[in-house]
């Protein structure tokens, strides 16, 4: 009986793995209050520079988040600390007219996976760090529960 349970766990683990995902990580925002100087940092390794990658924000918020959008600033640096890119992005978390939440929800919690770079070619193999800060007028920003990053191999689109 224990052996069957072990096989079930192994099978579920294999089915749940996405072969295209190179890196996926979340950082919880303490107490759901995101301060301006709280800048989560995500370090990942790129080994194949001939491969194109898609980069996503992962965000989890409560339904009581008071705005329909969220401004984030991202900073991408290489292992030597050289800034490769700095950019301000706007994420639309709720429909601006109806207030209906976007993303995948369960109860009053919503998860968002937002593409920020499509088919990106990293300049060289090695470690990279992506830092994210909130760029809203409210400090702290309430009801943001976690923020993260996913790096996936870009899959070729069919012709």
C-alpha atoms as a PDB file:
ATOM      1  CA  UNK A   1       0.000   0.000   0.000  1.00  0.00           C
ATOM      2  CA  UNK A   2       2.826   2.412   0.871  1.00  0.00           C
ATOM      3  CA  UNK A   3       4.502   1.573  -2.414  1.00  0.00           C
ATOM      4  CA  UNK A   4       1.384   2.572  -4.411  1.00  0.00           C
ATOM      5  CA  UNK A   5       1.225   5.883  -2.519  1.00  0.00           C
ATOM      6  CA  UNK A   6       4.863   6.589  -3.302  1.00  0.00           C
ATOM      7  CA  UNK A   7       4.297   5.925  -7.007  1.00  0.00           C
ATOM      8  CA  UNK A   8       1.293   8.247  -6.984  1.00  0.00           C
ATOM      9  CA  UNK A   9       3.390  11.055  -5.464  1.00  0.00           C
ATOM     10  CA  UNK A  10       6.173  10.516  -8.028  1.00  0.00           C
ATOM     11  CA  UNK A  11       3.656  10.465 -10.901  1.00  0.00           C
ATOM     12  CA  UNK A  12       2.014  13.696  -9.721  1.00  0.00           C
ATOM     13  CA  UNK A  13       5.410  15.373  -9.367  1.00  0.00           C
ATOM     14  CA  UNK A  14       6.357  14.413 -12.924  1.00  0.00           C
ATOM     15  CA  UNK A  15       3.034  15.531 -14.391  1.00  0.00           C
ATOM     16  CA  UNK A  16       3.227  18.850 -12.520  1.00  0.00           C
ATOM     17  CA  UNK A  17       6.644  19.763 -13.935  1.00  0.00           C
ATOM     18  CA  UNK A  18       6.769  22.058 -16.942  1.00  0.00           C
ATOM     19  CA  UNK A  19       9.763  21.281 -19.159  1.00  0.00           C
ATOM     20  CA  UNK A  20       9.880  24.871 -20.451  1.00  0.00           C
ATOM     21  CA  UNK A  21      10.139  26.489 -17.003  1.00  0.00           C
ATOM     22  CA  UNK A  22      13.732  27.422 -16.222  1.00  0.00           C
ATOM     23  CA  UNK A  23      13.027  29.365 -13.025  1.00  0.00           C
ATOM     24  CA  UNK A  24       9.974  30.159 -10.905  1.00  0.00           C
ATOM     25  CA  UNK A  25      10.062  31.831  -7.511  1.00  0.00           C
ATOM     26  CA  UNK A  26       7.777  33.884  -5.264  1.00  0.00           C
ATOM     27  CA  UNK A  27       8.532  36.186  -2.344  1.00  0.00           C
ATOM     28  CA  UNK A  28       5.793  36.754   0.218  1.00  0.00           C
ATOM     29  CA  UNK A  29       5.079  40.376   1.092  1.00  0.00           C
ATOM     30  CA  UNK A  30       5.107  40.605   4.888  1.00  0.00           C
ATOM     31  CA  UNK A  31       1.621  41.317   6.203  1.00  0.00           C
ATOM     32  CA  UNK A  32       0.393  42.103   2.688  1.00  0.00           C
ATOM     33  CA  UNK A  33       1.890  45.600   3.038  1.00  0.00           C
ATOM     34  CA  UNK A  34       4.403  46.317   0.254  1.00  0.00           C
ATOM     35  CA  UNK A  35       6.724  49.178   1.134  1.00  0.00           C
ATOM     36  CA  UNK A  36       8.473  51.182  -1.583  1.00  0.00           C
ATOM     37  CA  UNK A  37      11.947  50.248  -0.321  1.00  0.00           C
ATOM     38  CA  UNK A  38      11.055  46.530  -0.129  1.00  0.00           C
ATOM     39  CA  UNK A  39      12.575  45.257  -3.394  1.00  0.00           C
ATOM     40  CA  UNK A  40      12.284  41.485  -3.835  1.00  0.00           C
ATOM     41  CA  UNK A  41      15.225  40.026  -5.725  1.00  0.00           C
ATOM     42  CA  UNK A  42      15.271  36.897  -7.898  1.00  0.00           C
ATOM     43  CA  UNK A  43      18.534  35.337  -9.077  1.00  0.00           C
ATOM     44  CA  UNK A  44      18.519  32.684 -11.796  1.00  0.00           C
ATOM     45  CA  UNK A  45      21.043  31.011 -14.086  1.00  0.00           C
ATOM     46  CA  UNK A  46      20.941  31.024 -17.877  1.00  0.00           C
ATOM     47  CA  UNK A  47      23.082  28.351 -19.522  1.00  0.00           C
ATOM     48  CA  UNK A  48      21.888  28.510 -23.151  1.00  0.00           C
ATOM     49  CA  UNK A  49      22.136  31.928 -24.795  1.00  0.00           C
ATOM     50  CA  UNK A  50      20.916  30.614 -28.159  1.00  0.00           C
ATOM     51  CA  UNK A  51      17.513  29.890 -26.607  1.00  0.00           C
ATOM     52  CA  UNK A  52      14.855  32.625 -26.442  1.00  0.00           C
ATOM     53  CA  UNK A  53      13.048  33.083 -23.125  1.00  0.00           C
ATOM     54  CA  UNK A  54       9.762  34.561 -21.963  1.00  0.00           C
ATOM     55  CA  UNK A  55       9.870  36.431 -18.659  1.00  0.00           C
ATOM     56  CA  UNK A  56       6.773  36.874 -16.489  1.00  0.00           C
ATOM     57  CA  UNK A  57       5.758  38.687 -13.344  1.00  0.00           C
ATOM     58  CA  UNK A  58       3.883  36.500 -10.865  1.00  0.00           C
ATOM     59  CA  UNK A  59       1.641  38.432  -8.520  1.00  0.00           C
ATOM     60  CA  UNK A  60      -0.841  37.439  -5.828  1.00  0.00           C
ATOM     61  CA  UNK A  61      -3.263  40.009  -4.442  1.00  0.00           C
ATOM     62  CA  UNK A  62      -6.352  40.161  -2.295  1.00  0.00           C
ATOM     63  CA  UNK A  63      -9.705  41.194  -3.783  1.00  0.00           C
ATOM     64  CA  UNK A  64      -9.574  44.189  -1.424  1.00  0.00           C
ATOM     65  CA  UNK A  65      -6.572  45.664  -3.294  1.00  0.00           C
ATOM     66  CA  UNK A  66      -7.763  49.276  -3.744  1.00  0.00           C
ATOM     67  CA  UNK A  67      -6.638  49.923  -7.350  1.00  0.00           C
ATOM     68  CA  UNK A  68      -7.315  48.348 -10.743  1.00  0.00           C
ATOM     69  CA  UNK A  69      -3.638  48.564 -11.733  1.00  0.00           C
ATOM     70  CA  UNK A  70      -0.158  48.238 -10.288  1.00  0.00           C
ATOM     71  CA  UNK A  71       3.021  49.978 -11.396  1.00  0.00           C
ATOM     72  CA  UNK A  72       6.222  47.990 -10.937  1.00  0.00           C
ATOM     73  CA  UNK A  73       9.816  48.890 -11.714  1.00  0.00           C
ATOM     74  CA  UNK A  74      12.124  46.065 -12.724  1.00  0.00           C
ATOM     75  CA  UNK A  75      15.899  46.025 -12.756  1.00  0.00           C
ATOM     76  CA  UNK A  76      17.742  43.250 -14.620  1.00  0.00           C
ATOM     77  CA  UNK A  77      21.445  42.885 -13.813  1.00  0.00           C
ATOM     78  CA  UNK A  78      24.073  40.318 -14.736  1.00  0.00           C
ATOM     79  CA  UNK A  79      26.417  38.489 -12.343  1.00  0.00           C
ATOM     80  CA  UNK A  80      28.865  41.399 -12.397  1.00  0.00           C
ATOM     81  CA  UNK A  81      26.165  43.827 -11.270  1.00  0.00           C
ATOM     82  CA  UNK A  82      25.911  45.537 -14.664  1.00  0.00           C
ATOM     83  CA  UNK A  83      22.432  46.952 -15.215  1.00  0.00           C
ATOM     84  CA  UNK A  84      21.049  45.450 -18.426  1.00  0.00           C
ATOM     85  CA  UNK A  85      17.589  46.954 -18.201  1.00  0.00           C
ATOM     86  CA  UNK A  86      15.463  49.161 -15.986  1.00  0.00           C
ATOM     87  CA  UNK A  87      11.815  49.644 -16.860  1.00  0.00           C
ATOM     88  CA  UNK A  88       8.488  50.772 -15.415  1.00  0.00           C
ATOM     89  CA  UNK A  89       5.583  48.402 -16.164  1.00  0.00           C
ATOM     90  CA  UNK A  90       1.858  48.725 -15.559  1.00  0.00           C
ATOM     91  CA  UNK A  91      -0.084  45.598 -14.627  1.00  0.00           C
ATOM     92  CA  UNK A  92      -3.870  45.679 -15.004  1.00  0.00           C
ATOM     93  CA  UNK A  93      -5.255  43.572 -12.141  1.00  0.00           C
ATOM     94  CA  UNK A  94      -8.949  44.432 -12.500  1.00  0.00           C
ATOM     95  CA  UNK A  95     -11.166  45.640 -15.307  1.00  0.00           C
ATOM     96  CA  UNK A  96     -11.074  49.461 -15.014  1.00  0.00           C
ATOM     97  CA  UNK A  97     -14.784  49.833 -15.857  1.00  0.00           C
ATOM     98  CA  UNK A  98     -16.412  46.913 -14.040  1.00  0.00           C
ATOM     99  CA  UNK A  99     -13.886  46.269 -11.270  1.00  0.00           C
ATOM    100  CA  UNK A 100     -14.011  42.553 -12.101  1.00  0.00           C
ATOM    101  CA  UNK A 101     -10.733  40.895 -11.055  1.00  0.00           C
ATOM    102  CA  UNK A 102      -8.436  39.479 -13.707  1.00  0.00           C
ATOM    103  CA  UNK A 103      -6.191  36.502 -13.122  1.00  0.00           C
ATOM    104  CA  UNK A 104      -7.026  33.180 -11.519  1.00  0.00           C
ATOM    105  CA  UNK A 105      -8.981  33.455  -8.311  1.00  0.00           C
ATOM    106  CA  UNK A 106      -9.808  31.265  -5.380  1.00  0.00           C
ATOM    107  CA  UNK A 107     -12.033  32.977  -2.850  1.00  0.00           C
ATOM    108  CA  UNK A 108     -10.705  36.486  -2.399  1.00  0.00           C
ATOM    109  CA  UNK A 109      -7.136  35.744  -3.579  1.00  0.00           C
ATOM    110  CA  UNK A 110      -6.094  36.268  -7.206  1.00  0.00           C
ATOM    111  CA  UNK A 111      -2.954  35.100  -9.025  1.00  0.00           C
ATOM    112  CA  UNK A 112      -1.607  36.893 -12.087  1.00  0.00           C
ATOM    113  CA  UNK A 113       1.051  35.786 -14.553  1.00  0.00           C
ATOM    114  CA  UNK A 114       1.948  38.753 -16.750  1.00  0.00           C
ATOM    115  CA  UNK A 115       4.357  38.568 -19.684  1.00  0.00           C
ATOM    116  CA  UNK A 116       7.026  41.271 -19.492  1.00  0.00           C
ATOM    117  CA  UNK A 117       9.508  40.061 -22.123  1.00  0.00           C
ATOM    118  CA  UNK A 118       8.804  37.800 -25.094  1.00  0.00           C
ATOM    119  CA  UNK A 119      11.542  35.867 -26.900  1.00  0.00           C
ATOM    120  CA  UNK A 120      14.312  37.535 -24.916  1.00  0.00           C
ATOM    121  CA  UNK A 121      17.888  36.505 -25.693  1.00  0.00           C
ATOM    122  CA  UNK A 122      20.204  36.862 -22.705  1.00  0.00           C
ATOM    123  CA  UNK A 123      23.570  38.372 -23.739  1.00  0.00           C
ATOM    124  CA  UNK A 124      25.742  35.723 -22.065  1.00  0.00           C
ATOM    125  CA  UNK A 125      25.532  32.590 -19.946  1.00  0.00           C
ATOM    126  CA  UNK A 126      25.582  33.016 -16.188  1.00  0.00           C
ATOM    127  CA  UNK A 127      23.603  34.362 -13.274  1.00  0.00           C
ATOM    128  CA  UNK A 128      21.113  37.190 -13.621  1.00  0.00           C
ATOM    129  CA  UNK A 129      19.132  39.047 -10.976  1.00  0.00           C
ATOM    130  CA  UNK A 130      15.732  40.637 -11.462  1.00  0.00           C
ATOM    131  CA  UNK A 131      14.719  43.086  -8.719  1.00  0.00           C
ATOM    132  CA  UNK A 132      11.144  44.356  -8.503  1.00  0.00           C
ATOM    133  CA  UNK A 133       9.814  47.369  -6.638  1.00  0.00           C
ATOM    134  CA  UNK A 134       6.329  48.794  -6.415  1.00  0.00           C
ATOM    135  CA  UNK A 135       5.945  52.261  -7.927  1.00  0.00           C
ATOM    136  CA  UNK A 136       2.576  53.392  -6.609  1.00  0.00           C
ATOM    137  CA  UNK A 137       1.814  56.575  -4.683  1.00  0.00           C
ATOM    138  CA  UNK A 138       0.718  54.690  -1.585  1.00  0.00           C
ATOM    139  CA  UNK A 139       3.354  53.490   0.859  1.00  0.00           C
ATOM    140  CA  UNK A 140       2.833  50.839   2.058  1.00  0.00           C
ATOM    141  CA  UNK A 141       0.724  49.375  -0.700  1.00  0.00           C
ATOM    142  CA  UNK A 142      -1.950  47.147   0.871  1.00  0.00           C
ATOM    143  CA  UNK A 143      -3.244  43.714  -0.107  1.00  0.00           C
ATOM    144  CA  UNK A 144      -0.298  42.560  -2.248  1.00  0.00           C
ATOM    145  CA  UNK A 145       0.465  39.110  -0.857  1.00  0.00           C
ATOM    146  CA  UNK A 146       3.396  37.927  -2.990  1.00  0.00           C
ATOM    147  CA  UNK A 147       5.408  38.804  -6.047  1.00  0.00           C
ATOM    148  CA  UNK A 148       7.566  36.588  -8.196  1.00  0.00           C
ATOM    149  CA  UNK A 149       9.171  35.782 -11.504  1.00  0.00           C
ATOM    150  CA  UNK A 150       8.903  32.951 -14.011  1.00  0.00           C
ATOM    151  CA  UNK A 151      11.481  32.363 -16.749  1.00  0.00           C
ATOM    152  CA  UNK A 152      10.382  29.964 -19.478  1.00  0.00           C
ATOM    153  CA  UNK A 153      11.926  28.777 -22.704  1.00  0.00           C
ATOM    154  CA  UNK A 154       9.984  30.430 -25.512  1.00  0.00           C
ATOM    155  CA  UNK A 155       8.203  27.847 -27.586  1.00  0.00           C
ATOM    156  CA  UNK A 156       8.176  28.350 -31.348  1.00  0.00           C
ATOM    157  CA  UNK A 157       4.826  29.441 -32.713  1.00  0.00           C
ATOM    158  CA  UNK A 158       3.325  27.182 -35.408  1.00  0.00           C
ATOM    159  CA  UNK A 159       3.348  28.617 -38.937  1.00  0.00           C
END
